[in-house]
Every structure is written in structure tokens, then in C-alpha cells.
Amino acid sequence: MFREIFAQAWIALRRQPLRSFLTMLGITWGIAAVALLIAYGRGLRSVVVAAFDAFGKGAVICWPQQTSEQAGGQRAGKQVVLEKADLEVVRENATLVKAACLETVRWLPISYGDRLANTAIRGVCPEYGEMRNEVPSAGRWISPEDVLERRRVVFLGARLREKLFSGQPAVGETVRISGTRFTVIGTMDRKIQDSNYFTSDDESVWIPYSSAGDIWNTRYAAVLVFEPLAPRFEKEAMSQVRAEIAKRQRFSPTDEHAMIMFGREQFRPIIDGITIGF
């Protein structure tokens, strides 16, 4: 029976070779097109997710603002500031916070030989590197000893490294930040990012927070960066951080205008919505 079916099919194919060829071509092209679309979609999704995670898989950025509610005898409109004492109470009492760090920033000139760039010089702590996914491709990140000993060391973003060193090894070289000598301890490869603050990580310079105090006044930080114990605790961790700082600075812990926070989980539904078809 099967031999007869195949024999009739073969005869039909031989009688109309052009139609048979076009039919097989259409089937082949359809399979190839579907395979290519699936591969493209998966590739696009992986790029979008990688760019989203490059910022830091759990990092939350806290920007001090002005109070909008009266609390504890304080008037509305009080300016909130971030100091070392705020970081200490967050680390001590915010149980859902895995790591926290103050960040200070100034836009200053950095030079190597006769090459000069003006960019964001960011004073941070050792924990910042893991929270913000600053992975060294050469050398190392800032260490606790760098902060404790106020070492004048610097970590460079990829694009800035290219501007200053043009492909030459940078680790171990000396650069000048606003005239002060710093030793390059590490650099990173280019990051594909869909978001940043202050400026792109590729264009940034990081130095120990303590060393930044040798160049400018670091009493008040620009932002507080923290990471919750797990992404699902982000919202609760935000509330804890705001409550601890509110208690010390005497503003309402429910006043979301006093401190604006941007977390990754807030935007994850958007990323999932963009890539859901892939």
C-alpha cells in the first residue's frame, strides 16, 4: 500500500516539476523564516534584558528632595540632605537592605599627558561596584582598604579609557583629576545600558568616597544607592530606608516627595511587556 502511494506521488512530481519545485521552496522558506524570526526575537530579548540588568540587578537610587508634609514640628518645604549618619542608620536598622552606599559627584577635568576630558567624577564605596554591576575587565574595583587609607586610586569607564589611553594599557598609569594625581587601578569594557544617571557609566570615573573629600566637600552626598535582600523586597526596603532617614531628619516616613526612589523592579513590567512576544 505504501509503495503504491509513494509511486503515485513520484509520478505526480515528475509530471509537474516546476509546481513541485515551487511548493518545496515555499515550505523550505516558511520553515527558515519562522526559525529566523524566533532566533531574532530571542536575541533581541536577551539584548534588552542584558541592557536592563547592566544598571544593576537590584540597585535602587534615592534622590533627596524637599518635604511636602509637616511632621514633628517641621514645616513643609524643608530640604532633605544625605549624610554619613543617614547611611549608618540605614545599614543598622533597615533589615531588608543588603548593601548601601553614599555617592558624591562633581564634573571635573581628568587628564593623561596632553589628553583631557571633562566628566563625572563619582566618589563611592566598595559595595557600589557589585550593586551597580561595575565589572573590571582589567585591574580591580575599589577596595575597603582604598577607602580606609584614602588612597588616590581611580576606576575608569570604557569610553573614557579609550579617550585618554587610545587602546594602551591604563592600569598602573597616573592621571590627574583637577590637578590631583590618581593611580588607575581598574577599567571595564563597554556596557550596553538602557538607563543611567549623572552620565553614562562608560564615560564615568570612580574614586573612593574618602578620597573625593580631598578634592571637594563631601559632607552631603548626591544620592544614596542601596540593594534589597532580594528583588521581591524592593518596595518594602524602600519604605524602610525612607522611614529610617525620616526618623533622623524629622520628616514624615510617608512623604514620598521628600525622597524620590528609582528601583529596577518598578520598570521590570515595562521590559517584560516589550519582550513578551519574544
Foldseek 3Di string as FASTA:
>chain_A
DVVVVVVVVVVVCVVCVVVVVVVVVVVVVVVVVVVVVVVVLVVVLVLLVQQLCLQFVFKKKKAFAWFQDDFPNDDGGHTAFDFPVLLVLLVVPLPQFPDKKFKAWDFWWKADVPFIDTAIEIAIAQVVCNRRVVDFPDFDDDDNVCQVVLAQAKEAAQQLCCRHPVPDDQAQGWMATNRHIYGYRTYHHHGNHPDDPRDDRNHYMYGHNNNVVVVDPPRTGRIMMTGTPDNVCNVVSLLSSLVSSCVVVVDDSVRCNRMPMDTSVVCVVVSCVVSVVD
